[in-house]
């Protein structure tokens, strides 16, 4: 596949695109979601998706974020789309989750599917609220794990009077962070908020257990079969704007 010639570079260089894509794919290989044998194919698929949508992606760039930050967010979402597509081939989804998956794949949603998606987003909000006093921590931790930048209100809900510029800096999301970096940052935030001396591994276990609890509550007595990948997409729909 031909990418760009010397005079055909877009707003973002292909060197930037390939470098960030490389980091993202390797991260998912390390996490066990992708076989190392599929590295090149997955990387090529993401780059092809980017090229297909290049004009649209570049037209939405408003220069408020660094180029690397914006591109990382776009490519990260494309990586999630690929994971969703593979999952949907292998598993049976209920009609509710299926609507979420379709939207994540760029499917032109019907009015009925849009209503389902809005209901799923509201249901996720209710599930998070069901954690009671723990809800602010759950929301902030899950947002960061799914590479969604928490709001100032999220920080204040969890940290209370301890929310400051230093902790806000810890929540900045580039989109290409390894899980280890996210857990390290969350550990610092947690220890500040709760006056503890936890290790990052304790935070990793907490996030894993929390995701499992959310998934169980989402699927309880419903026509859904959410897993961590489709949960990430639902979080993304609830808390961020799509690039398309």
C-alpha atoms as a PDB file:
ATOM      1  CA  UNK A   1       0.000   0.000   0.000  1.00  0.00           C
ATOM      2  CA  UNK A   2       1.330   3.443  -0.918  1.00  0.00           C
ATOM      3  CA  UNK A   3       1.225   5.868   1.995  1.00  0.00           C
ATOM      4  CA  UNK A   4       2.518   9.361   1.172  1.00  0.00           C
ATOM      5  CA  UNK A   5       5.180  10.690  -1.093  1.00  0.00           C
ATOM      6  CA  UNK A   6       7.608  13.379   0.025  1.00  0.00           C
ATOM      7  CA  UNK A   7       5.157  16.143  -0.799  1.00  0.00           C
ATOM      8  CA  UNK A   8       2.036  14.367   0.390  1.00  0.00           C
ATOM      9  CA  UNK A   9       2.441  14.490   4.145  1.00  0.00           C
ATOM     10  CA  UNK A  10      -0.655  15.570   6.019  1.00  0.00           C
ATOM     11  CA  UNK A  11      -0.781  17.786   9.100  1.00  0.00           C
ATOM     12  CA  UNK A  12       0.725  14.900  11.058  1.00  0.00           C
ATOM     13  CA  UNK A  13       3.785  13.162   9.616  1.00  0.00           C
ATOM     14  CA  UNK A  14       3.712   9.476   8.850  1.00  0.00           C
ATOM     15  CA  UNK A  15       6.746   9.070  11.071  1.00  0.00           C
ATOM     16  CA  UNK A  16       4.635  10.330  13.972  1.00  0.00           C
ATOM     17  CA  UNK A  17       1.718   8.068  13.013  1.00  0.00           C
ATOM     18  CA  UNK A  18       3.840   4.926  12.679  1.00  0.00           C
ATOM     19  CA  UNK A  19       5.828   5.602  15.856  1.00  0.00           C
ATOM     20  CA  UNK A  20       2.729   6.113  18.013  1.00  0.00           C
ATOM     21  CA  UNK A  21       0.945   3.166  16.387  1.00  0.00           C
ATOM     22  CA  UNK A  22       3.961   0.990  17.146  1.00  0.00           C
ATOM     23  CA  UNK A  23       3.798   1.972  20.838  1.00  0.00           C
ATOM     24  CA  UNK A  24       0.048   1.360  21.092  1.00  0.00           C
ATOM     25  CA  UNK A  25       0.118  -2.068  19.423  1.00  0.00           C
ATOM     26  CA  UNK A  26       3.078  -3.215  21.538  1.00  0.00           C
ATOM     27  CA  UNK A  27       1.195  -2.129  24.652  1.00  0.00           C
ATOM     28  CA  UNK A  28      -1.767  -4.361  23.748  1.00  0.00           C
ATOM     29  CA  UNK A  29       0.554  -7.240  22.908  1.00  0.00           C
ATOM     30  CA  UNK A  30       2.163  -6.861  26.336  1.00  0.00           C
ATOM     31  CA  UNK A  31      -1.285  -6.807  27.961  1.00  0.00           C
ATOM     32  CA  UNK A  32      -2.172 -10.074  26.193  1.00  0.00           C
ATOM     33  CA  UNK A  33      -4.918  -8.750  23.902  1.00  0.00           C
ATOM     34  CA  UNK A  34      -2.974  -9.305  20.673  1.00  0.00           C
ATOM     35  CA  UNK A  35      -0.651 -12.096  19.630  1.00  0.00           C
ATOM     36  CA  UNK A  36       2.927 -10.965  18.902  1.00  0.00           C
ATOM     37  CA  UNK A  37       2.524 -12.711  15.546  1.00  0.00           C
ATOM     38  CA  UNK A  38      -0.176 -10.158  14.629  1.00  0.00           C
ATOM     39  CA  UNK A  39       1.952  -7.089  15.360  1.00  0.00           C
ATOM     40  CA  UNK A  40       2.632  -6.028  11.776  1.00  0.00           C
ATOM     41  CA  UNK A  41      -0.904  -6.807  10.532  1.00  0.00           C
ATOM     42  CA  UNK A  42      -2.496  -4.865  13.385  1.00  0.00           C
ATOM     43  CA  UNK A  43      -0.147  -1.935  12.940  1.00  0.00           C
ATOM     44  CA  UNK A  44      -0.843  -1.848   9.198  1.00  0.00           C
ATOM     45  CA  UNK A  45      -4.601  -2.007   9.781  1.00  0.00           C
ATOM     46  CA  UNK A  46      -4.484   1.014  12.100  1.00  0.00           C
ATOM     47  CA  UNK A  47      -2.383   3.006   9.639  1.00  0.00           C
ATOM     48  CA  UNK A  48      -4.775   2.144   6.814  1.00  0.00           C
ATOM     49  CA  UNK A  49      -7.739   3.258   8.964  1.00  0.00           C
ATOM     50  CA  UNK A  50      -5.932   6.523   9.698  1.00  0.00           C
ATOM     51  CA  UNK A  51      -5.204   7.180   6.014  1.00  0.00           C
ATOM     52  CA  UNK A  52      -8.825   6.504   5.096  1.00  0.00           C
ATOM     53  CA  UNK A  53     -10.018   9.076   7.632  1.00  0.00           C
ATOM     54  CA  UNK A  54      -7.019  11.410   7.386  1.00  0.00           C
ATOM     55  CA  UNK A  55      -8.789  14.450   5.967  1.00  0.00           C
ATOM     56  CA  UNK A  56     -11.573  14.258   8.535  1.00  0.00           C
ATOM     57  CA  UNK A  57      -9.145  13.716  11.433  1.00  0.00           C
ATOM     58  CA  UNK A  58      -6.935  16.628  10.395  1.00  0.00           C
ATOM     59  CA  UNK A  59      -9.897  18.948   9.846  1.00  0.00           C
ATOM     60  CA  UNK A  60     -10.972  18.427  13.468  1.00  0.00           C
ATOM     61  CA  UNK A  61      -7.571  19.304  14.915  1.00  0.00           C
ATOM     62  CA  UNK A  62      -7.924  22.710  16.612  1.00  0.00           C
ATOM     63  CA  UNK A  63      -4.299  23.001  17.835  1.00  0.00           C
ATOM     64  CA  UNK A  64      -5.354  23.252  21.488  1.00  0.00           C
ATOM     65  CA  UNK A  65      -3.697  19.901  22.248  1.00  0.00           C
ATOM     66  CA  UNK A  66      -0.194  18.885  21.236  1.00  0.00           C
ATOM     67  CA  UNK A  67      -0.130  17.040  17.872  1.00  0.00           C
ATOM     68  CA  UNK A  68       1.145  13.874  19.580  1.00  0.00           C
ATOM     69  CA  UNK A  69      -1.663  14.013  22.137  1.00  0.00           C
ATOM     70  CA  UNK A  70      -4.378  14.423  19.518  1.00  0.00           C
ATOM     71  CA  UNK A  71      -2.982  11.723  17.240  1.00  0.00           C
ATOM     72  CA  UNK A  72      -2.484   9.313  20.136  1.00  0.00           C
ATOM     73  CA  UNK A  73      -6.147   9.690  21.107  1.00  0.00           C
ATOM     74  CA  UNK A  74      -7.285   9.007  17.541  1.00  0.00           C
ATOM     75  CA  UNK A  75      -5.031   5.977  17.062  1.00  0.00           C
ATOM     76  CA  UNK A  76      -5.923   4.584  20.465  1.00  0.00           C
ATOM     77  CA  UNK A  77      -9.612   4.647  19.513  1.00  0.00           C
ATOM     78  CA  UNK A  78      -8.818   2.909  16.247  1.00  0.00           C
ATOM     79  CA  UNK A  79      -7.020   0.200  18.209  1.00  0.00           C
ATOM     80  CA  UNK A  80     -10.143  -0.256  20.326  1.00  0.00           C
ATOM     81  CA  UNK A  81     -12.283  -0.478  17.184  1.00  0.00           C
ATOM     82  CA  UNK A  82     -10.122  -3.333  15.902  1.00  0.00           C
ATOM     83  CA  UNK A  83     -10.413  -5.183  19.213  1.00  0.00           C
ATOM     84  CA  UNK A  84     -14.180  -4.726  19.210  1.00  0.00           C
ATOM     85  CA  UNK A  85     -14.441  -6.006  15.639  1.00  0.00           C
ATOM     86  CA  UNK A  86     -12.442  -9.123  16.499  1.00  0.00           C
ATOM     87  CA  UNK A  87     -14.476  -9.721  19.649  1.00  0.00           C
ATOM     88  CA  UNK A  88     -17.765  -9.368  17.795  1.00  0.00           C
ATOM     89  CA  UNK A  89     -16.696 -12.100  15.378  1.00  0.00           C
ATOM     90  CA  UNK A  90     -15.947 -14.511  18.201  1.00  0.00           C
ATOM     91  CA  UNK A  91     -18.701 -13.868  20.741  1.00  0.00           C
ATOM     92  CA  UNK A  92     -22.443 -13.478  20.778  1.00  0.00           C
ATOM     93  CA  UNK A  93     -23.635 -10.076  21.926  1.00  0.00           C
ATOM     94  CA  UNK A  94     -27.068  -9.086  23.161  1.00  0.00           C
ATOM     95  CA  UNK A  95     -28.887  -6.400  21.181  1.00  0.00           C
ATOM     96  CA  UNK A  96     -27.851  -3.669  23.620  1.00  0.00           C
ATOM     97  CA  UNK A  97     -24.136  -4.342  23.554  1.00  0.00           C
ATOM     98  CA  UNK A  98     -24.331  -5.047  19.829  1.00  0.00           C
ATOM     99  CA  UNK A  99     -25.545  -1.487  19.237  1.00  0.00           C
ATOM    100  CA  UNK A 100     -22.581  -0.139  21.215  1.00  0.00           C
ATOM    101  CA  UNK A 101     -20.155  -2.335  19.269  1.00  0.00           C
ATOM    102  CA  UNK A 102     -21.624  -1.271  15.924  1.00  0.00           C
ATOM    103  CA  UNK A 103     -21.220   2.396  16.757  1.00  0.00           C
ATOM    104  CA  UNK A 104     -17.626   1.764  17.795  1.00  0.00           C
ATOM    105  CA  UNK A 105     -16.998   0.216  14.372  1.00  0.00           C
ATOM    106  CA  UNK A 106     -18.259   3.316  12.573  1.00  0.00           C
ATOM    107  CA  UNK A 107     -21.599   1.696  11.734  1.00  0.00           C
ATOM    108  CA  UNK A 108     -24.345   4.161  10.712  1.00  0.00           C
ATOM    109  CA  UNK A 109     -26.598   3.747  13.723  1.00  0.00           C
ATOM    110  CA  UNK A 110     -30.360   3.653  13.348  1.00  0.00           C
ATOM    111  CA  UNK A 111     -32.645   5.792  15.558  1.00  0.00           C
ATOM    112  CA  UNK A 112     -33.457   2.649  17.552  1.00  0.00           C
ATOM    113  CA  UNK A 113     -29.769   1.871  18.066  1.00  0.00           C
ATOM    114  CA  UNK A 114     -29.086   5.468  19.120  1.00  0.00           C
ATOM    115  CA  UNK A 115     -31.779   5.136  21.770  1.00  0.00           C
ATOM    116  CA  UNK A 116     -30.250   1.855  22.960  1.00  0.00           C
ATOM    117  CA  UNK A 117     -26.811   3.475  23.190  1.00  0.00           C
ATOM    118  CA  UNK A 118     -28.152   6.421  25.189  1.00  0.00           C
ATOM    119  CA  UNK A 119     -29.863   3.977  27.543  1.00  0.00           C
ATOM    120  CA  UNK A 120     -26.628   1.979  27.910  1.00  0.00           C
ATOM    121  CA  UNK A 121     -24.719   5.151  28.776  1.00  0.00           C
ATOM    122  CA  UNK A 122     -27.319   6.039  31.394  1.00  0.00           C
ATOM    123  CA  UNK A 123     -27.182   2.496  32.761  1.00  0.00           C
ATOM    124  CA  UNK A 124     -23.402   2.717  33.106  1.00  0.00           C
ATOM    125  CA  UNK A 125     -23.850   5.953  35.071  1.00  0.00           C
ATOM    126  CA  UNK A 126     -26.279   4.149  37.386  1.00  0.00           C
ATOM    127  CA  UNK A 127     -23.852   1.258  37.833  1.00  0.00           C
ATOM    128  CA  UNK A 128     -21.062   3.660  38.797  1.00  0.00           C
ATOM    129  CA  UNK A 129     -23.407   5.484  41.187  1.00  0.00           C
ATOM    130  CA  UNK A 130     -24.268   2.114  42.770  1.00  0.00           C
ATOM    131  CA  UNK A 131     -20.766   2.070  44.287  1.00  0.00           C
ATOM    132  CA  UNK A 132     -21.978   4.742  46.699  1.00  0.00           C
ATOM    133  CA  UNK A 133     -19.192   6.645  48.497  1.00  0.00           C
ATOM    134  CA  UNK A 134     -16.661   4.713  46.389  1.00  0.00           C
ATOM    135  CA  UNK A 135     -18.151   6.026  43.109  1.00  0.00           C
ATOM    136  CA  UNK A 136     -15.789   9.041  42.710  1.00  0.00           C
ATOM    137  CA  UNK A 137     -12.773   6.735  43.040  1.00  0.00           C
ATOM    138  CA  UNK A 138     -14.259   4.203  40.625  1.00  0.00           C
ATOM    139  CA  UNK A 139     -15.021   6.887  38.038  1.00  0.00           C
ATOM    140  CA  UNK A 140     -11.588   8.505  38.217  1.00  0.00           C
ATOM    141  CA  UNK A 141      -9.636   5.233  38.227  1.00  0.00           C
ATOM    142  CA  UNK A 142     -11.618   3.725  35.350  1.00  0.00           C
ATOM    143  CA  UNK A 143     -11.357   6.871  33.261  1.00  0.00           C
ATOM    144  CA  UNK A 144      -7.594   6.886  33.555  1.00  0.00           C
ATOM    145  CA  UNK A 145      -7.316   3.144  32.908  1.00  0.00           C
ATOM    146  CA  UNK A 146      -9.351   3.598  29.711  1.00  0.00           C
ATOM    147  CA  UNK A 147      -7.199   6.654  28.792  1.00  0.00           C
ATOM    148  CA  UNK A 148      -9.939   9.228  29.344  1.00  0.00           C
ATOM    149  CA  UNK A 149      -8.756  12.413  31.062  1.00  0.00           C
ATOM    150  CA  UNK A 150     -10.656  12.974  34.334  1.00  0.00           C
ATOM    151  CA  UNK A 151     -12.292  16.368  34.820  1.00  0.00           C
ATOM    152  CA  UNK A 152     -11.460  18.772  37.608  1.00  0.00           C
ATOM    153  CA  UNK A 153     -14.779  17.795  39.193  1.00  0.00           C
ATOM    154  CA  UNK A 154     -13.669  14.127  39.166  1.00  0.00           C
ATOM    155  CA  UNK A 155     -10.506  15.083  41.030  1.00  0.00           C
ATOM    156  CA  UNK A 156     -12.344  17.211  43.565  1.00  0.00           C
ATOM    157  CA  UNK A 157     -14.988  14.527  44.179  1.00  0.00           C
ATOM    158  CA  UNK A 158     -12.271  12.026  45.058  1.00  0.00           C
ATOM    159  CA  UNK A 159      -9.464  14.159  46.494  1.00  0.00           C
ATOM    160  CA  UNK A 160     -11.679  16.827  48.132  1.00  0.00           C
ATOM    161  CA  UNK A 161      -9.504  19.676  49.402  1.00  0.00           C
ATOM    162  CA  UNK A 162      -6.337  17.833  48.331  1.00  0.00           C
ATOM    163  CA  UNK A 163      -7.015  18.382  44.635  1.00  0.00           C
ATOM    164  CA  UNK A 164      -4.269  20.673  43.337  1.00  0.00           C
ATOM    165  CA  UNK A 165      -2.145  21.385  40.276  1.00  0.00           C
ATOM    166  CA  UNK A 166       0.303  18.596  41.126  1.00  0.00           C
ATOM    167  CA  UNK A 167      -2.401  15.927  41.186  1.00  0.00           C
ATOM    168  CA  UNK A 168      -4.038  17.406  38.092  1.00  0.00           C
ATOM    169  CA  UNK A 169      -0.752  16.915  36.226  1.00  0.00           C
ATOM    170  CA  UNK A 170      -0.872  13.222  37.111  1.00  0.00           C
ATOM    171  CA  UNK A 171      -4.176  12.850  35.234  1.00  0.00           C
ATOM    172  CA  UNK A 172      -2.930  14.197  31.898  1.00  0.00           C
ATOM    173  CA  UNK A 173      -3.533  11.573  29.214  1.00  0.00           C
ATOM    174  CA  UNK A 174      -1.414  11.338  26.078  1.00  0.00           C
ATOM    175  CA  UNK A 175      -3.051   8.117  24.881  1.00  0.00           C
ATOM    176  CA  UNK A 176       0.133   6.078  24.545  1.00  0.00           C
ATOM    177  CA  UNK A 177       0.873   5.416  28.226  1.00  0.00           C
ATOM    178  CA  UNK A 178       1.657   1.879  29.313  1.00  0.00           C
ATOM    179  CA  UNK A 179      -0.555   0.396  32.016  1.00  0.00           C
ATOM    180  CA  UNK A 180       2.381   0.541  34.413  1.00  0.00           C
ATOM    181  CA  UNK A 181       2.597   4.318  34.069  1.00  0.00           C
ATOM    182  CA  UNK A 182      -1.134   4.710  34.655  1.00  0.00           C
ATOM    183  CA  UNK A 183      -0.992   2.539  37.782  1.00  0.00           C
ATOM    184  CA  UNK A 184       2.026   4.468  39.073  1.00  0.00           C
ATOM    185  CA  UNK A 185       0.145   7.747  38.709  1.00  0.00           C
ATOM    186  CA  UNK A 186      -3.056   6.388  40.222  1.00  0.00           C
ATOM    187  CA  UNK A 187      -1.042   5.083  43.146  1.00  0.00           C
ATOM    188  CA  UNK A 188       0.261   8.566  43.861  1.00  0.00           C
ATOM    189  CA  UNK A 189      -3.229  10.048  43.631  1.00  0.00           C
ATOM    190  CA  UNK A 190      -4.697   7.310  45.834  1.00  0.00           C
ATOM    191  CA  UNK A 191      -2.053   7.658  48.512  1.00  0.00           C
ATOM    192  CA  UNK A 192      -2.576  11.419  48.597  1.00  0.00           C
ATOM    193  CA  UNK A 193      -6.358  11.128  48.805  1.00  0.00           C
ATOM    194  CA  UNK A 194      -6.474   8.325  51.369  1.00  0.00           C
ATOM    195  CA  UNK A 195      -3.262   8.946  53.353  1.00  0.00           C
ATOM    196  CA  UNK A 196      -1.996   5.479  52.472  1.00  0.00           C
ATOM    197  CA  UNK A 197       1.252   4.006  51.213  1.00  0.00           C
ATOM    198  CA  UNK A 198      -0.082   1.578  48.609  1.00  0.00           C
ATOM    199  CA  UNK A 199       2.079   0.090  45.889  1.00  0.00           C
ATOM    200  CA  UNK A 200       1.130   0.325  42.196  1.00  0.00           C
ATOM    201  CA  UNK A 201       0.402  -3.413  42.169  1.00  0.00           C
ATOM    202  CA  UNK A 202      -2.373  -2.870  44.727  1.00  0.00           C
ATOM    203  CA  UNK A 203      -3.891  -0.254  42.419  1.00  0.00           C
ATOM    204  CA  UNK A 204      -3.650  -2.650  39.475  1.00  0.00           C
ATOM    205  CA  UNK A 205      -5.572  -5.305  41.411  1.00  0.00           C
ATOM    206  CA  UNK A 206      -8.162  -2.741  42.516  1.00  0.00           C
ATOM    207  CA  UNK A 207      -8.774  -1.588  38.936  1.00  0.00           C
ATOM    208  CA  UNK A 208      -9.051  -5.184  37.710  1.00  0.00           C
ATOM    209  CA  UNK A 209     -11.555  -6.101  40.422  1.00  0.00           C
ATOM    210  CA  UNK A 210     -13.515  -2.883  39.868  1.00  0.00           C
ATOM    211  CA  UNK A 211     -13.808  -3.493  36.135  1.00  0.00           C
ATOM    212  CA  UNK A 212     -15.066  -7.017  36.871  1.00  0.00           C
ATOM    213  CA  UNK A 213     -17.645  -5.649  39.311  1.00  0.00           C
ATOM    214  CA  UNK A 214     -18.878  -3.078  36.795  1.00  0.00           C
ATOM    215  CA  UNK A 215     -19.131  -5.708  34.061  1.00  0.00           C
ATOM    216  CA  UNK A 216     -21.044  -8.067  36.359  1.00  0.00           C
ATOM    217  CA  UNK A 217     -23.516  -5.332  37.252  1.00  0.00           C
ATOM    218  CA  UNK A 218     -23.932  -4.263  33.622  1.00  0.00           C
ATOM    219  CA  UNK A 219     -24.709  -7.838  32.588  1.00  0.00           C
ATOM    220  CA  UNK A 220     -26.868  -8.820  35.570  1.00  0.00           C
ATOM    221  CA  UNK A 221     -30.279 -10.001  34.329  1.00  0.00           C
ATOM    222  CA  UNK A 222     -29.822  -8.162  31.015  1.00  0.00           C
ATOM    223  CA  UNK A 223     -29.362  -9.044  27.340  1.00  0.00           C
ATOM    224  CA  UNK A 224     -25.709  -8.012  27.372  1.00  0.00           C
ATOM    225  CA  UNK A 225     -22.360  -9.710  27.560  1.00  0.00           C
ATOM    226  CA  UNK A 226     -19.939  -6.877  28.253  1.00  0.00           C
ATOM    227  CA  UNK A 227     -16.243  -7.559  28.678  1.00  0.00           C
ATOM    228  CA  UNK A 228     -13.375  -5.147  29.387  1.00  0.00           C
ATOM    229  CA  UNK A 229     -12.987  -4.145  25.742  1.00  0.00           C
ATOM    230  CA  UNK A 230     -16.648  -3.289  25.187  1.00  0.00           C
ATOM    231  CA  UNK A 231     -16.756  -1.608  28.609  1.00  0.00           C
ATOM    232  CA  UNK A 232     -13.890   0.644  27.456  1.00  0.00           C
ATOM    233  CA  UNK A 233     -15.911   1.646  24.403  1.00  0.00           C
ATOM    234  CA  UNK A 234     -18.987   2.419  26.512  1.00  0.00           C
ATOM    235  CA  UNK A 235     -16.869   4.562  28.861  1.00  0.00           C
ATOM    236  CA  UNK A 236     -15.483   6.368  25.821  1.00  0.00           C
ATOM    237  CA  UNK A 237     -18.985   7.076  24.494  1.00  0.00           C
ATOM    238  CA  UNK A 238     -20.162   8.315  27.878  1.00  0.00           C
ATOM    239  CA  UNK A 239     -17.265  10.604  28.713  1.00  0.00           C
ATOM    240  CA  UNK A 240     -15.615  11.763  25.486  1.00  0.00           C
ATOM    241  CA  UNK A 241     -16.529  13.165  22.092  1.00  0.00           C
ATOM    242  CA  UNK A 242     -15.877  10.951  19.084  1.00  0.00           C
ATOM    243  CA  UNK A 243     -13.511  12.115  16.378  1.00  0.00           C
ATOM    244  CA  UNK A 244     -15.951  11.048  13.649  1.00  0.00           C
END
